Amino acid sequence: MRYLGTAITLGVVVWIGGTIYSGIQIKGVQEQAAEVKRQMSDFQTEVERRLAEQTKRIDDDARTAAEEIRKQTKGVRDAATVAIKDAGDQQAIVRQKLDVDKVPDIQQLKGELVALAQAGGKLNLHCLTLLSGYSVWVLFGAAGLSLVLSIWALLKAWGLGG
């Protein structure tokens, strides 16, 4: 019986110890759950903050791009308006200068154009003839000068020249 009392006492002590230990474990699990819940809340807050920042950055970039597109579109429209106006002005000037009703018939001008072409060809031929004549005289002059200088050098070399 002595062992029975010891066994009962030991059983009660183990039961009390297990209860205390499980209470501590439950408290530890509850604290961990509270910590995880707090961390999840902090994580969710951080994610929402970053999403808000990114959304704001994207919105700002989109506004900037839209404003730049508006500026460029306005510039293109202004340039197109000026170009269209200039084209209209130039068209009016060209029509005034051409004045199609006053242009002579091409058939009437054909004979004059042929005569001008022939006269131009004759003038070119005459100029070439003159140039070739002058070039012959220049060549003869250069040859004559070369001959005179050669004779003078020989006379000087022989001691006959002054």
N, C-alpha and C. Protein backbone atom coordinates (compact mmCIF):
# COMPACT_ATOMS: atom_id res chain seq x y z
N MET A 1 0.77 -1.15 0.00
CA MET A 1 0.00 0.00 0.00
C MET A 1 0.85 1.26 0.00
N ARG A 2 1.92 1.02 0.54
CA ARG A 2 2.82 2.14 0.57
C ARG A 2 3.11 2.63 -0.86
N TYR A 3 3.18 1.72 -1.76
CA TYR A 3 3.46 2.10 -3.14
C TYR A 3 2.23 2.70 -3.80
N LEU A 4 1.10 2.28 -3.34
CA LEU A 4 -0.14 2.80 -3.90
C LEU A 4 -0.28 4.28 -3.57
N GLY A 5 0.02 4.66 -2.36
CA GLY A 5 -0.06 6.08 -1.97
C GLY A 5 0.96 6.91 -2.74
N THR A 6 2.12 6.33 -2.89
CA THR A 6 3.15 7.03 -3.64
C THR A 6 2.72 7.16 -5.10
N ALA A 7 2.11 6.12 -5.64
CA ALA A 7 1.69 6.15 -7.03
C ALA A 7 0.58 7.16 -7.22
N ILE A 8 -0.36 7.22 -6.24
CA ILE A 8 -1.46 8.18 -6.35
C ILE A 8 -0.91 9.60 -6.24
N THR A 9 0.00 9.80 -5.28
CA THR A 9 0.60 11.12 -5.10
C THR A 9 1.35 11.52 -6.37
N LEU A 10 2.10 10.58 -6.88
CA LEU A 10 2.86 10.87 -8.10
C LEU A 10 1.91 11.14 -9.26
N GLY A 11 0.82 10.42 -9.34
CA GLY A 11 -0.16 10.65 -10.41
C GLY A 11 -0.79 12.01 -10.31
N VAL A 12 -1.14 12.43 -9.06
CA VAL A 12 -1.73 13.76 -8.85
C VAL A 12 -0.73 14.83 -9.22
N VAL A 13 0.53 14.64 -8.81
CA VAL A 13 1.57 15.63 -9.12
C VAL A 13 1.75 15.72 -10.63
N VAL A 14 1.77 14.60 -11.33
CA VAL A 14 1.94 14.61 -12.78
C VAL A 14 0.74 15.27 -13.43
N TRP A 15 -0.46 14.95 -12.88
CA TRP A 15 -1.67 15.56 -13.45
C TRP A 15 -1.65 17.07 -13.27
N ILE A 16 -1.27 17.54 -12.08
CA ILE A 16 -1.19 18.99 -11.81
C ILE A 16 -0.10 19.61 -12.68
N GLY A 17 1.05 18.93 -12.76
CA GLY A 17 2.13 19.45 -13.60
C GLY A 17 1.72 19.51 -15.06
N GLY A 18 1.02 18.50 -15.54
CA GLY A 18 0.54 18.50 -16.93
C GLY A 18 -0.45 19.60 -17.18
N THR A 19 -1.32 19.84 -16.20
CA THR A 19 -2.30 20.92 -16.34
C THR A 19 -1.59 22.26 -16.42
N ILE A 20 -0.63 22.47 -15.53
CA ILE A 20 0.12 23.74 -15.54
C ILE A 20 0.89 23.87 -16.87
N TYR A 21 1.54 22.77 -17.27
CA TYR A 21 2.32 22.81 -18.51
C TYR A 21 1.42 23.07 -19.71
N SER A 22 0.26 22.40 -19.77
CA SER A 22 -0.64 22.63 -20.90
C SER A 22 -1.20 24.04 -20.85
N GLY A 23 -1.41 24.58 -19.65
CA GLY A 23 -1.85 25.98 -19.54
C GLY A 23 -0.80 26.93 -20.07
N ILE A 24 0.44 26.62 -19.74
CA ILE A 24 1.54 27.45 -20.25
C ILE A 24 1.61 27.31 -21.77
N GLN A 25 1.47 26.09 -22.27
CA GLN A 25 1.50 25.86 -23.71
C GLN A 25 0.37 26.60 -24.40
N ILE A 26 -0.83 26.52 -23.82
CA ILE A 26 -1.98 27.21 -24.41
C ILE A 26 -1.74 28.71 -24.41
N LYS A 27 -1.19 29.23 -23.30
CA LYS A 27 -0.90 30.66 -23.22
C LYS A 27 0.15 31.02 -24.28
N GLY A 28 1.18 30.17 -24.45
CA GLY A 28 2.21 30.42 -25.46
C GLY A 28 1.63 30.42 -26.86
N VAL A 29 0.72 29.48 -27.13
CA VAL A 29 0.08 29.41 -28.44
C VAL A 29 -0.79 30.64 -28.65
N GLN A 30 -1.50 31.06 -27.61
CA GLN A 30 -2.34 32.25 -27.72
C GLN A 30 -1.49 33.49 -27.98
N GLU A 31 -0.35 33.59 -27.28
CA GLU A 31 0.56 34.73 -27.50
C GLU A 31 1.10 34.70 -28.93
N GLN A 32 1.46 33.50 -29.40
CA GLN A 32 1.97 33.38 -30.77
C GLN A 32 0.88 33.74 -31.77
N ALA A 33 -0.35 33.30 -31.51
CA ALA A 33 -1.45 33.64 -32.41
C ALA A 33 -1.68 35.14 -32.42
N ALA A 34 -1.61 35.77 -31.24
CA ALA A 34 -1.77 37.23 -31.17
C ALA A 34 -0.63 37.93 -31.92
N GLU A 35 0.59 37.41 -31.78
CA GLU A 35 1.74 38.00 -32.48
C GLU A 35 1.58 37.84 -34.00
N VAL A 36 1.14 36.66 -34.44
CA VAL A 36 0.92 36.44 -35.87
C VAL A 36 -0.17 37.36 -36.38
N LYS A 37 -1.24 37.52 -35.59
CA LYS A 37 -2.34 38.41 -35.98
C LYS A 37 -1.84 39.85 -36.09
N ARG A 38 -1.02 40.28 -35.12
CA ARG A 38 -0.46 41.63 -35.16
C ARG A 38 0.46 41.80 -36.39
N GLN A 39 1.29 40.79 -36.66
CA GLN A 39 2.19 40.85 -37.81
C GLN A 39 1.39 40.87 -39.11
N MET A 40 0.32 40.09 -39.18
CA MET A 40 -0.53 40.09 -40.37
C MET A 40 -1.16 41.46 -40.57
N SER A 41 -1.60 42.06 -39.47
CA SER A 41 -2.19 43.39 -39.54
C SER A 41 -1.15 44.41 -40.02
N ASP A 42 0.07 44.32 -39.45
CA ASP A 42 1.16 45.21 -39.88
C ASP A 42 1.50 44.98 -41.35
N PHE A 43 1.54 43.70 -41.76
CA PHE A 43 1.85 43.37 -43.15
C PHE A 43 0.77 43.93 -44.08
N GLN A 44 -0.49 43.75 -43.69
CA GLN A 44 -1.60 44.25 -44.50
C GLN A 44 -1.53 45.77 -44.61
N THR A 45 -1.22 46.44 -43.51
CA THR A 45 -1.08 47.90 -43.51
C THR A 45 0.06 48.32 -44.44
N GLU A 46 1.18 47.62 -44.37
CA GLU A 46 2.33 47.95 -45.22
C GLU A 46 2.00 47.72 -46.70
N VAL A 47 1.31 46.61 -47.01
CA VAL A 47 0.92 46.33 -48.39
C VAL A 47 -0.02 47.41 -48.90
N GLU A 48 -0.99 47.81 -48.09
CA GLU A 48 -1.93 48.86 -48.50
C GLU A 48 -1.20 50.19 -48.71
N ARG A 49 -0.23 50.49 -47.84
CA ARG A 49 0.54 51.73 -47.98
C ARG A 49 1.34 51.72 -49.29
N ARG A 50 2.00 50.60 -49.57
CA ARG A 50 2.80 50.50 -50.79
C ARG A 50 1.92 50.55 -52.03
N LEU A 51 0.76 49.89 -51.98
CA LEU A 51 -0.17 49.94 -53.10
C LEU A 51 -0.65 51.37 -53.34
N ALA A 52 -0.93 52.08 -52.25
CA ALA A 52 -1.38 53.48 -52.38
C ALA A 52 -0.27 54.33 -53.01
N GLU A 53 0.98 54.13 -52.56
CA GLU A 53 2.11 54.88 -53.12
C GLU A 53 2.27 54.57 -54.61
N GLN A 54 2.23 53.28 -54.94
CA GLN A 54 2.40 52.87 -56.34
C GLN A 54 1.26 53.42 -57.21
N THR A 55 0.04 53.36 -56.69
CA THR A 55 -1.11 53.88 -57.43
C THR A 55 -0.96 55.38 -57.66
N LYS A 56 -0.51 56.10 -56.62
CA LYS A 56 -0.30 57.55 -56.76
C LYS A 56 0.79 57.83 -57.79
N ARG A 57 1.88 57.07 -57.74
CA ARG A 57 2.98 57.26 -58.69
C ARG A 57 2.49 57.01 -60.12
N ILE A 58 1.73 55.94 -60.31
CA ILE A 58 1.21 55.62 -61.64
C ILE A 58 0.25 56.71 -62.12
N ASP A 59 -0.62 57.18 -61.21
CA ASP A 59 -1.55 58.26 -61.57
C ASP A 59 -0.80 59.53 -61.96
N ASP A 60 0.24 59.87 -61.19
CA ASP A 60 1.04 61.06 -61.50
C ASP A 60 1.72 60.92 -62.86
N ASP A 61 2.30 59.74 -63.11
CA ASP A 61 2.95 59.50 -64.40
C ASP A 61 1.94 59.58 -65.55
N ALA A 62 0.75 59.04 -65.32
CA ALA A 62 -0.29 59.07 -66.36
C ALA A 62 -0.73 60.51 -66.62
N ARG A 63 -0.88 61.30 -65.57
CA ARG A 63 -1.26 62.71 -65.75
C ARG A 63 -0.17 63.47 -66.52
N THR A 64 1.08 63.23 -66.14
CA THR A 64 2.20 63.89 -66.82
C THR A 64 2.22 63.51 -68.30
N ALA A 65 2.06 62.22 -68.58
CA ALA A 65 2.06 61.76 -69.98
C ALA A 65 0.89 62.35 -70.75
N ALA A 66 -0.29 62.40 -70.13
CA ALA A 66 -1.46 62.97 -70.80
C ALA A 66 -1.24 64.45 -71.10
N GLU A 67 -0.64 65.17 -70.16
CA GLU A 67 -0.37 66.60 -70.38
C GLU A 67 0.63 66.79 -71.52
N GLU A 68 1.66 65.94 -71.54
CA GLU A 68 2.66 66.03 -72.62
C GLU A 68 2.02 65.72 -73.97
N ILE A 69 1.14 64.73 -74.00
CA ILE A 69 0.44 64.40 -75.25
C ILE A 69 -0.43 65.56 -75.69
N ARG A 70 -1.12 66.21 -74.73
CA ARG A 70 -1.94 67.37 -75.08
C ARG A 70 -1.09 68.50 -75.66
N LYS A 71 0.08 68.74 -75.05
CA LYS A 71 0.97 69.80 -75.55
C LYS A 71 1.43 69.48 -76.97
N GLN A 72 1.87 68.23 -77.18
CA GLN A 72 2.36 67.85 -78.50
C GLN A 72 1.24 67.88 -79.53
N THR A 73 0.05 67.46 -79.14
CA THR A 73 -1.09 67.49 -80.06
C THR A 73 -1.41 68.93 -80.45
N LYS A 74 -1.38 69.83 -79.48
CA LYS A 74 -1.64 71.24 -79.77
C LYS A 74 -0.57 71.79 -80.72
N GLY A 75 0.70 71.43 -80.47
CA GLY A 75 1.77 71.87 -81.36
C GLY A 75 1.58 71.37 -82.78
N VAL A 76 1.19 70.11 -82.91
CA VAL A 76 0.97 69.53 -84.24
C VAL A 76 -0.21 70.22 -84.93
N ARG A 77 -1.29 70.46 -84.17
CA ARG A 77 -2.45 71.14 -84.76
C ARG A 77 -2.08 72.54 -85.23
N ASP A 78 -1.33 73.27 -84.38
CA ASP A 78 -0.93 74.62 -84.76
C ASP A 78 -0.07 74.60 -86.02
N ALA A 79 0.90 73.66 -86.05
CA ALA A 79 1.77 73.56 -87.23
C ALA A 79 0.97 73.18 -88.47
N ALA A 80 0.02 72.27 -88.32
CA ALA A 80 -0.80 71.87 -89.47
C ALA A 80 -1.66 73.03 -89.96
N THR A 81 -2.20 73.82 -89.04
CA THR A 81 -3.01 74.98 -89.43
C THR A 81 -2.16 75.97 -90.21
N VAL A 82 -0.95 76.24 -89.71
CA VAL A 82 -0.06 77.18 -90.41
C VAL A 82 0.33 76.62 -91.78
N ALA A 83 0.62 75.32 -91.84
CA ALA A 83 1.02 74.71 -93.11
C ALA A 83 -0.12 74.76 -94.12
N ILE A 84 -1.34 74.51 -93.67
CA ILE A 84 -2.49 74.56 -94.58
C ILE A 84 -2.69 75.98 -95.09
N LYS A 85 -2.56 76.96 -94.20
CA LYS A 85 -2.71 78.36 -94.60
C LYS A 85 -1.62 78.74 -95.60
N ASP A 86 -0.37 78.35 -95.30
CA ASP A 86 0.74 78.65 -96.21
C ASP A 86 0.54 77.98 -97.56
N ALA A 87 0.07 76.75 -97.56
CA ALA A 87 -0.17 76.06 -98.83
C ALA A 87 -1.24 76.78 -99.65
N GLY A 88 -2.29 77.25 -98.98
CA GLY A 88 -3.33 78.01 -99.68
C GLY A 88 -2.78 79.30 -100.26
N ASP A 89 -1.95 80.00 -99.46
CA ASP A 89 -1.34 81.25 -99.95
C ASP A 89 -0.43 80.97 -101.14
N GLN A 90 0.39 79.93 -101.04
CA GLN A 90 1.30 79.60 -102.13
C GLN A 90 0.54 79.18 -103.39
N GLN A 91 -0.55 78.48 -103.20
CA GLN A 91 -1.36 78.07 -104.35
C GLN A 91 -1.93 79.30 -105.05
N ALA A 92 -2.39 80.27 -104.28
CA ALA A 92 -2.93 81.49 -104.88
C ALA A 92 -1.83 82.25 -105.63
N ILE A 93 -0.63 82.32 -105.03
CA ILE A 93 0.48 83.02 -105.68
C ILE A 93 0.86 82.32 -106.98
N VAL A 94 0.94 81.00 -106.95
CA VAL A 94 1.30 80.24 -108.16
C VAL A 94 0.26 80.45 -109.25
N ARG A 95 -1.00 80.43 -108.88
CA ARG A 95 -2.05 80.64 -109.89
C ARG A 95 -1.96 82.03 -110.49
N GLN A 96 -1.64 83.03 -109.67
CA GLN A 96 -1.50 84.39 -110.20
C GLN A 96 -0.31 84.47 -111.15
N LYS A 97 0.81 83.84 -110.75
CA LYS A 97 2.01 83.94 -111.58
C LYS A 97 1.87 83.15 -112.87
N LEU A 98 1.21 82.02 -112.81
CA LEU A 98 1.07 81.21 -114.02
C LEU A 98 0.08 81.83 -114.99
N ASP A 99 -1.02 82.28 -114.48
CA ASP A 99 -2.07 82.88 -115.30
C ASP A 99 -2.23 82.10 -116.60
N VAL A 100 -2.78 80.93 -116.49
CA VAL A 100 -2.84 79.93 -117.55
C VAL A 100 -3.38 80.48 -118.87
N ASP A 101 -4.26 81.43 -118.83
CA ASP A 101 -4.84 81.96 -120.07
C ASP A 101 -3.81 82.69 -120.93
N LYS A 102 -2.75 83.20 -120.32
CA LYS A 102 -1.75 83.98 -121.06
C LYS A 102 -0.59 83.13 -121.57
N VAL A 103 -0.55 81.86 -121.25
CA VAL A 103 0.55 81.00 -121.69
C VAL A 103 0.38 80.72 -123.18
N PRO A 104 1.45 80.95 -124.00
CA PRO A 104 1.34 80.71 -125.43
C PRO A 104 1.27 79.21 -125.74
N ASP A 105 0.78 78.91 -126.92
CA ASP A 105 0.65 77.52 -127.34
C ASP A 105 2.04 76.94 -127.58
N ILE A 106 2.26 75.70 -127.13
CA ILE A 106 3.57 75.06 -127.26
C ILE A 106 3.94 74.87 -128.72
N GLN A 107 2.99 74.63 -129.59
CA GLN A 107 3.28 74.44 -131.02
C GLN A 107 3.88 75.70 -131.62
N GLN A 108 3.45 76.87 -131.14
CA GLN A 108 4.01 78.13 -131.65
C GLN A 108 5.45 78.30 -131.18
N LEU A 109 5.74 77.83 -130.00
CA LEU A 109 7.09 78.01 -129.45
C LEU A 109 8.08 76.96 -129.97
N LYS A 110 7.60 75.90 -130.55
CA LYS A 110 8.46 74.81 -130.96
C LYS A 110 9.53 75.27 -131.95
N GLY A 111 9.15 76.05 -132.94
CA GLY A 111 10.12 76.54 -133.93
C GLY A 111 11.17 77.43 -133.28
N GLU A 112 10.73 78.30 -132.39
CA GLU A 112 11.68 79.18 -131.70
C GLU A 112 12.65 78.37 -130.83
N LEU A 113 12.15 77.35 -130.18
CA LEU A 113 13.02 76.52 -129.34
C LEU A 113 14.06 75.78 -130.17
N VAL A 114 13.67 75.28 -131.34
CA VAL A 114 14.62 74.60 -132.23
C VAL A 114 15.69 75.58 -132.69
N ALA A 115 15.27 76.80 -133.07
CA ALA A 115 16.23 77.81 -133.53
C ALA A 115 17.20 78.18 -132.40
N LEU A 116 16.68 78.33 -131.18
CA LEU A 116 17.55 78.65 -130.04
C LEU A 116 18.54 77.52 -129.78
N ALA A 117 18.10 76.28 -129.88
CA ALA A 117 18.98 75.15 -129.66
C ALA A 117 20.10 75.12 -130.70
N GLN A 118 19.75 75.40 -131.96
CA GLN A 118 20.77 75.41 -133.02
C GLN A 118 21.76 76.55 -132.80
N ALA A 119 21.25 77.72 -132.42
CA ALA A 119 22.14 78.86 -132.18
C ALA A 119 23.07 78.56 -131.01
N GLY A 120 22.55 77.92 -129.98
CA GLY A 120 23.39 77.56 -128.83
C GLY A 120 24.46 76.57 -129.24
N GLY A 121 24.13 75.62 -130.07
CA GLY A 121 25.12 74.65 -130.54
C GLY A 121 26.21 75.32 -131.36
N LYS A 122 25.81 76.27 -132.23
CA LYS A 122 26.79 77.00 -133.04
C LYS A 122 27.71 77.83 -132.15
N LEU A 123 27.13 78.45 -131.14
CA LEU A 123 27.94 79.27 -130.22
C LEU A 123 28.94 78.39 -129.47
N ASN A 124 28.51 77.23 -129.03
CA ASN A 124 29.42 76.31 -128.34
C ASN A 124 30.55 75.88 -129.26
N LEU A 125 30.23 75.57 -130.50
CA LEU A 125 31.25 75.15 -131.46
C LEU A 125 32.25 76.29 -131.71
N HIS A 126 31.74 77.52 -131.88
CA HIS A 126 32.62 78.68 -132.10
C HIS A 126 33.55 78.89 -130.90
N CYS A 127 33.00 78.76 -129.68
CA CYS A 127 33.82 78.94 -128.47
C CYS A 127 34.90 77.87 -128.39
N LEU A 128 34.55 76.64 -128.71
CA LEU A 128 35.54 75.57 -128.67
C LEU A 128 36.63 75.80 -129.71
N THR A 129 36.24 76.31 -130.87
CA THR A 129 37.23 76.60 -131.92
C THR A 129 38.20 77.67 -131.44
N LEU A 130 37.66 78.75 -130.86
CA LEU A 130 38.53 79.81 -130.35
C LEU A 130 39.47 79.29 -129.27
N LEU A 131 38.93 78.50 -128.36
CA LEU A 131 39.76 77.98 -127.27
C LEU A 131 40.85 77.07 -127.80
N SER A 132 40.53 76.24 -128.79
CA SER A 132 41.56 75.35 -129.32
C SER A 132 42.62 76.15 -130.06
N GLY A 133 42.22 77.23 -130.76
CA GLY A 133 43.19 78.08 -131.44
C GLY A 133 44.12 78.75 -130.44
N TYR A 134 43.55 79.28 -129.38
CA TYR A 134 44.38 79.92 -128.34
C TYR A 134 45.30 78.90 -127.68
N SER A 135 44.81 77.71 -127.47
CA SER A 135 45.65 76.71 -126.80
C SER A 135 46.82 76.31 -127.70
N VAL A 136 46.61 76.28 -129.03
CA VAL A 136 47.72 75.96 -129.94
C VAL A 136 48.78 77.06 -129.84
N TRP A 137 48.35 78.32 -129.85
CA TRP A 137 49.30 79.43 -129.75
C TRP A 137 50.02 79.43 -128.41
N VAL A 138 49.32 79.08 -127.36
CA VAL A 138 49.96 79.01 -126.05
C VAL A 138 51.01 77.92 -126.05
N LEU A 139 50.70 76.76 -126.64
CA LEU A 139 51.67 75.68 -126.70
C LEU A 139 52.90 76.07 -127.52
N PHE A 140 52.65 76.72 -128.69
CA PHE A 140 53.79 77.18 -129.50
C PHE A 140 54.61 78.21 -128.74
N GLY A 141 53.94 79.10 -128.03
CA GLY A 141 54.66 80.12 -127.26
C GLY A 141 55.50 79.48 -126.17
N ALA A 142 54.95 78.48 -125.49
CA ALA A 142 55.69 77.80 -124.43
C ALA A 142 56.89 77.06 -125.01
N ALA A 143 56.69 76.43 -126.18
CA ALA A 143 57.80 75.71 -126.81
C ALA A 143 58.88 76.69 -127.25
N GLY A 144 58.46 77.84 -127.81
CA GLY A 144 59.43 78.85 -128.24
C GLY A 144 60.20 79.40 -127.05
N LEU A 145 59.52 79.70 -125.97
CA LEU A 145 60.18 80.22 -124.77
C LEU A 145 61.15 79.19 -124.22
N SER A 146 60.77 77.94 -124.25
CA SER A 146 61.64 76.87 -123.77
C SER A 146 62.90 76.77 -124.63
N LEU A 147 62.73 76.93 -125.96
CA LEU A 147 63.87 76.88 -126.87
C LEU A 147 64.82 78.04 -126.59
N VAL A 148 64.28 79.24 -126.42
CA VAL A 148 65.12 80.43 -126.17
C VAL A 148 65.88 80.26 -124.87
N LEU A 149 65.21 79.78 -123.82
CA LEU A 149 65.86 79.59 -122.53
C LEU A 149 66.95 78.52 -122.61
N SER A 150 66.71 77.47 -123.38
CA SER A 150 67.71 76.41 -123.53
C SER A 150 68.96 76.95 -124.24
N ILE A 151 68.75 77.76 -125.30
CA ILE A 151 69.88 78.33 -126.04
C ILE A 151 70.66 79.27 -125.13
N TRP A 152 69.98 80.08 -124.40
CA TRP A 152 70.63 81.04 -123.48
C TRP A 152 71.45 80.29 -122.43
N ALA A 153 70.92 79.16 -121.91
CA ALA A 153 71.62 78.38 -120.90
C ALA A 153 72.88 77.76 -121.50
N LEU A 154 72.79 77.29 -122.75
CA LEU A 154 73.97 76.71 -123.40
C LEU A 154 75.04 77.77 -123.64
N LEU A 155 74.63 78.94 -124.12
CA LEU A 155 75.60 80.01 -124.35
C LEU A 155 76.27 80.43 -123.06
N LYS A 156 75.51 80.50 -122.01
CA LYS A 156 76.05 80.89 -120.71
C LYS A 156 77.02 79.82 -120.23
N ALA A 157 76.66 78.54 -120.46
CA ALA A 157 77.51 77.45 -120.01
C ALA A 157 78.84 77.46 -120.78
N TRP A 158 78.82 77.85 -122.06
CA TRP A 158 80.04 77.89 -122.85
C TRP A 158 80.81 79.19 -122.64
N GLY A 159 80.21 80.07 -121.89
CA GLY A 159 80.88 81.32 -121.59
C GLY A 159 80.69 82.37 -122.65
N LEU A 160 79.76 82.19 -123.57
CA LEU A 160 79.53 83.14 -124.63
C LEU A 160 78.45 84.16 -124.27
N GLY A 161 77.58 83.80 -123.33
CA GLY A 161 76.46 84.68 -122.97
C GLY A 161 76.89 85.69 -121.92
N GLY A 162 76.16 86.76 -121.80
CA GLY A 162 76.51 87.84 -120.90
C GLY A 162 75.96 87.70 -119.59
